[in-house]
Protein backbone atom coordinates (compact mmCIF):
# COMPACT_ATOMS: atom_id res chain seq x y z
CA MET A 1 97.01 -24.59 -20.09
CA SER A 2 96.80 -27.78 -18.09
CA ASP A 3 95.29 -31.00 -19.46
CA ASN A 4 93.60 -31.61 -16.12
CA ILE A 5 90.67 -29.38 -17.15
CA TYR A 6 89.55 -32.35 -19.26
CA GLN A 7 89.73 -34.95 -16.49
CA ASN A 8 85.96 -35.13 -15.91
CA LEU A 9 85.02 -35.89 -19.51
CA THR A 10 83.42 -39.31 -19.89
CA GLN A 11 83.04 -39.63 -23.67
CA LEU A 12 86.05 -38.00 -25.33
CA GLY A 13 88.80 -40.45 -26.24
CA SER A 14 86.68 -43.56 -25.92
CA ALA A 15 84.13 -45.48 -27.94
CA THR A 16 80.71 -44.10 -27.09
CA GLU A 17 77.39 -45.39 -28.39
CA LEU A 18 74.90 -42.97 -29.89
CA PRO A 19 72.17 -42.32 -27.30
CA ASP A 20 68.71 -43.38 -28.46
CA ASP A 21 66.95 -40.39 -26.88
CA PRO A 22 67.99 -36.75 -26.30
CA ASP A 23 67.00 -37.01 -22.64
CA LYS A 24 69.54 -39.82 -22.18
CA ALA A 25 72.33 -37.97 -24.00
CA VAL A 26 75.14 -36.66 -21.79
CA LEU A 27 76.19 -33.14 -22.74
CA GLU A 28 79.57 -32.26 -21.25
CA LYS A 29 81.31 -28.96 -20.69
CA VAL A 30 84.88 -27.91 -20.13
CA PRO A 31 86.26 -24.77 -18.52
CA ASN A 32 86.72 -21.93 -20.99
CA PRO A 33 90.47 -21.29 -21.20
CA GLN A 34 89.67 -17.82 -22.58
CA ALA A 35 87.09 -16.86 -19.93
CA GLY A 36 86.86 -13.09 -19.69
CA THR A 37 87.42 -12.66 -23.44
CA LYS A 38 84.30 -12.04 -25.51
CA TYR A 39 84.20 -14.25 -28.60
CA MET A 40 81.69 -16.34 -30.51
CA VAL A 41 81.70 -20.11 -31.11
CA ARG A 42 79.78 -21.66 -34.03
CA PHE A 43 78.74 -25.27 -34.58
CA VAL A 44 77.14 -26.30 -37.86
CA ALA A 45 75.26 -29.57 -38.27
CA PRO A 46 74.26 -29.70 -41.96
CA GLU A 47 72.86 -33.25 -41.73
CA PHE A 48 70.70 -33.10 -38.59
CA THR A 49 67.95 -35.74 -38.55
CA SER A 50 64.89 -36.37 -36.41
CA LEU A 51 61.55 -38.12 -36.90
CA CYS A 52 58.09 -36.71 -37.44
CA PRO A 53 56.22 -37.55 -34.22
CA ILE A 54 53.06 -38.43 -36.19
CA THR A 55 54.28 -40.33 -39.26
CA SER A 56 57.72 -41.46 -38.01
CA GLN A 57 59.15 -40.30 -41.33
CA PRO A 58 62.62 -38.72 -41.21
CA ASP A 59 63.03 -34.96 -41.14
CA PHE A 60 66.26 -33.21 -42.10
CA ALA A 61 67.70 -29.86 -41.10
CA HIS A 62 70.77 -27.69 -41.34
CA LEU A 63 71.44 -26.41 -37.80
CA VAL A 64 73.65 -23.46 -36.93
CA ILE A 65 74.43 -22.93 -33.24
CA ASP A 66 76.21 -19.73 -32.20
CA TYR A 67 77.13 -18.84 -28.64
CA VAL A 68 79.28 -16.42 -26.66
CA PRO A 69 80.74 -18.46 -23.79
CA LYS A 70 81.37 -17.31 -20.25
CA ASP A 71 83.00 -19.88 -18.00
CA PHE A 72 82.35 -23.05 -20.01
CA LEU A 73 82.51 -24.52 -23.52
CA VAL A 74 80.45 -27.43 -24.74
CA GLU A 75 82.62 -30.48 -25.45
CA SER A 76 82.12 -31.12 -29.17
CA LYS A 77 81.94 -34.93 -29.13
CA SER A 78 79.18 -34.81 -26.52
CA LEU A 79 77.36 -32.23 -28.68
CA LYS A 80 77.69 -34.49 -31.72
CA LEU A 81 76.26 -37.43 -29.75
CA PHE A 82 73.46 -35.26 -28.35
CA LEU A 83 72.48 -34.06 -31.82
CA GLY A 84 72.69 -37.61 -33.14
CA SER A 85 70.32 -38.79 -30.42
CA PHE A 86 67.49 -37.02 -32.25
CA ARG A 87 67.87 -39.44 -35.17
CA ASN A 88 65.20 -41.79 -33.77
CA HIS A 89 63.36 -39.18 -31.70
CA GLY A 90 59.92 -37.96 -32.71
CA ALA A 91 59.39 -34.23 -32.34
CA PHE A 92 58.23 -31.31 -34.44
CA HIS A 93 60.82 -28.99 -35.96
CA GLU A 94 60.08 -26.21 -33.49
CA ASP A 95 60.47 -28.51 -30.48
CA CYS A 96 63.77 -29.98 -31.70
CA THR A 97 65.32 -26.60 -32.45
CA VAL A 98 64.25 -24.81 -29.27
CA SER A 99 64.98 -27.84 -27.04
CA ILE A 100 68.56 -28.00 -28.32
CA GLY A 101 69.06 -24.30 -27.63
CA LYS A 102 67.58 -24.48 -24.14
CA ARG A 103 69.59 -27.57 -23.21
CA LEU A 104 72.81 -25.79 -24.18
CA VAL A 105 71.81 -22.68 -22.23
CA ASP A 106 71.07 -24.82 -19.16
CA LEU A 107 74.47 -26.53 -19.46
CA LEU A 108 76.66 -23.54 -20.25
CA ASP A 109 74.95 -20.37 -18.99
CA PRO A 110 76.52 -18.50 -21.93
CA ASP A 111 76.51 -14.74 -22.35
CA TRP A 112 74.40 -15.32 -25.47
CA LEU A 113 73.18 -18.17 -27.65
CA ARG A 114 71.17 -18.50 -30.83
CA ILE A 115 70.23 -21.50 -32.92
CA GLY A 116 68.88 -21.50 -36.44
CA GLY A 117 67.08 -24.64 -37.57
CA TYR A 118 66.78 -24.57 -41.36
CA TRP A 119 64.46 -27.51 -42.04
CA TYR A 120 64.03 -29.09 -45.43
CA PRO A 121 60.48 -29.24 -46.82
CA ARG A 122 57.84 -31.47 -45.32
CA GLY A 123 54.65 -31.48 -47.35
CA GLY A 124 56.23 -28.96 -49.70
CA ILE A 125 56.83 -26.33 -46.98
CA PRO A 126 60.27 -25.64 -45.50
CA ILE A 127 60.19 -24.53 -41.87
CA ASP A 128 62.91 -22.36 -40.37
CA VAL A 129 63.02 -22.08 -36.58
CA PHE A 130 65.08 -19.57 -34.61
CA TYR A 131 65.75 -19.30 -30.87
CA GLN A 132 67.90 -16.67 -29.19
CA THR A 133 68.51 -15.81 -25.55
CA GLY A 134 68.46 -12.02 -26.06
CA PRO A 135 70.27 -9.30 -27.96
CA ALA A 136 73.75 -10.09 -29.22
CA PRO A 137 76.43 -8.73 -26.86
CA ASP A 138 78.24 -5.54 -27.84
CA GLY A 139 81.82 -5.86 -29.02
CA VAL A 140 81.54 -9.42 -30.38
CA TRP A 141 81.55 -10.16 -34.09
CA ILE A 142 78.36 -12.12 -34.79
CA PRO A 143 78.31 -13.08 -38.48
CA ASP A 144 75.17 -13.96 -40.38
CA GLN A 145 74.40 -17.67 -40.23
CA GLY A 146 74.91 -17.86 -43.98
CA VAL A 147 72.00 -20.18 -44.82
CA PRO A 148 69.97 -18.83 -47.74
CA PRO A 149 66.18 -18.97 -47.83
CA TYR A 150 64.95 -22.24 -49.26
CA ARG A 151 65.34 -22.56 -53.02
CA GLY A 152 66.40 -26.16 -53.33
CA ARG A 153 68.81 -25.59 -50.45
CA GLY A 154 72.13 -27.28 -50.70
């Protein structure tokens, strides 16, 4: 595998400030060196943070992102910066979760993607949000996301 597949990355290997808004965040992709092989990739962000758009109080979630790539992989530092850009962004749980999933689908055009947003209680009610592009592809091991229903999660 040649290192030149990484030549267009703008954030990896350099100091990069956390974007202050998800729309300003640069998500980057790299060619999938295993294109043609069906496999699943999982990212877990157990300390995801955003703001309530009404009260500006912080909201916290455990995100699990699973996808089956085709031609591209998301570059993980750019994903980390993208997720971090929600820290000062006001949006409801549903909007955050689904927006993240759709942005990744737009970038990668994967065979399949799902995101589980397991949100900690606000007003005493935990909210779990799920987005998926369609049925899981045949022949790929897709494990359970492993996050139990809320009972003092953690």
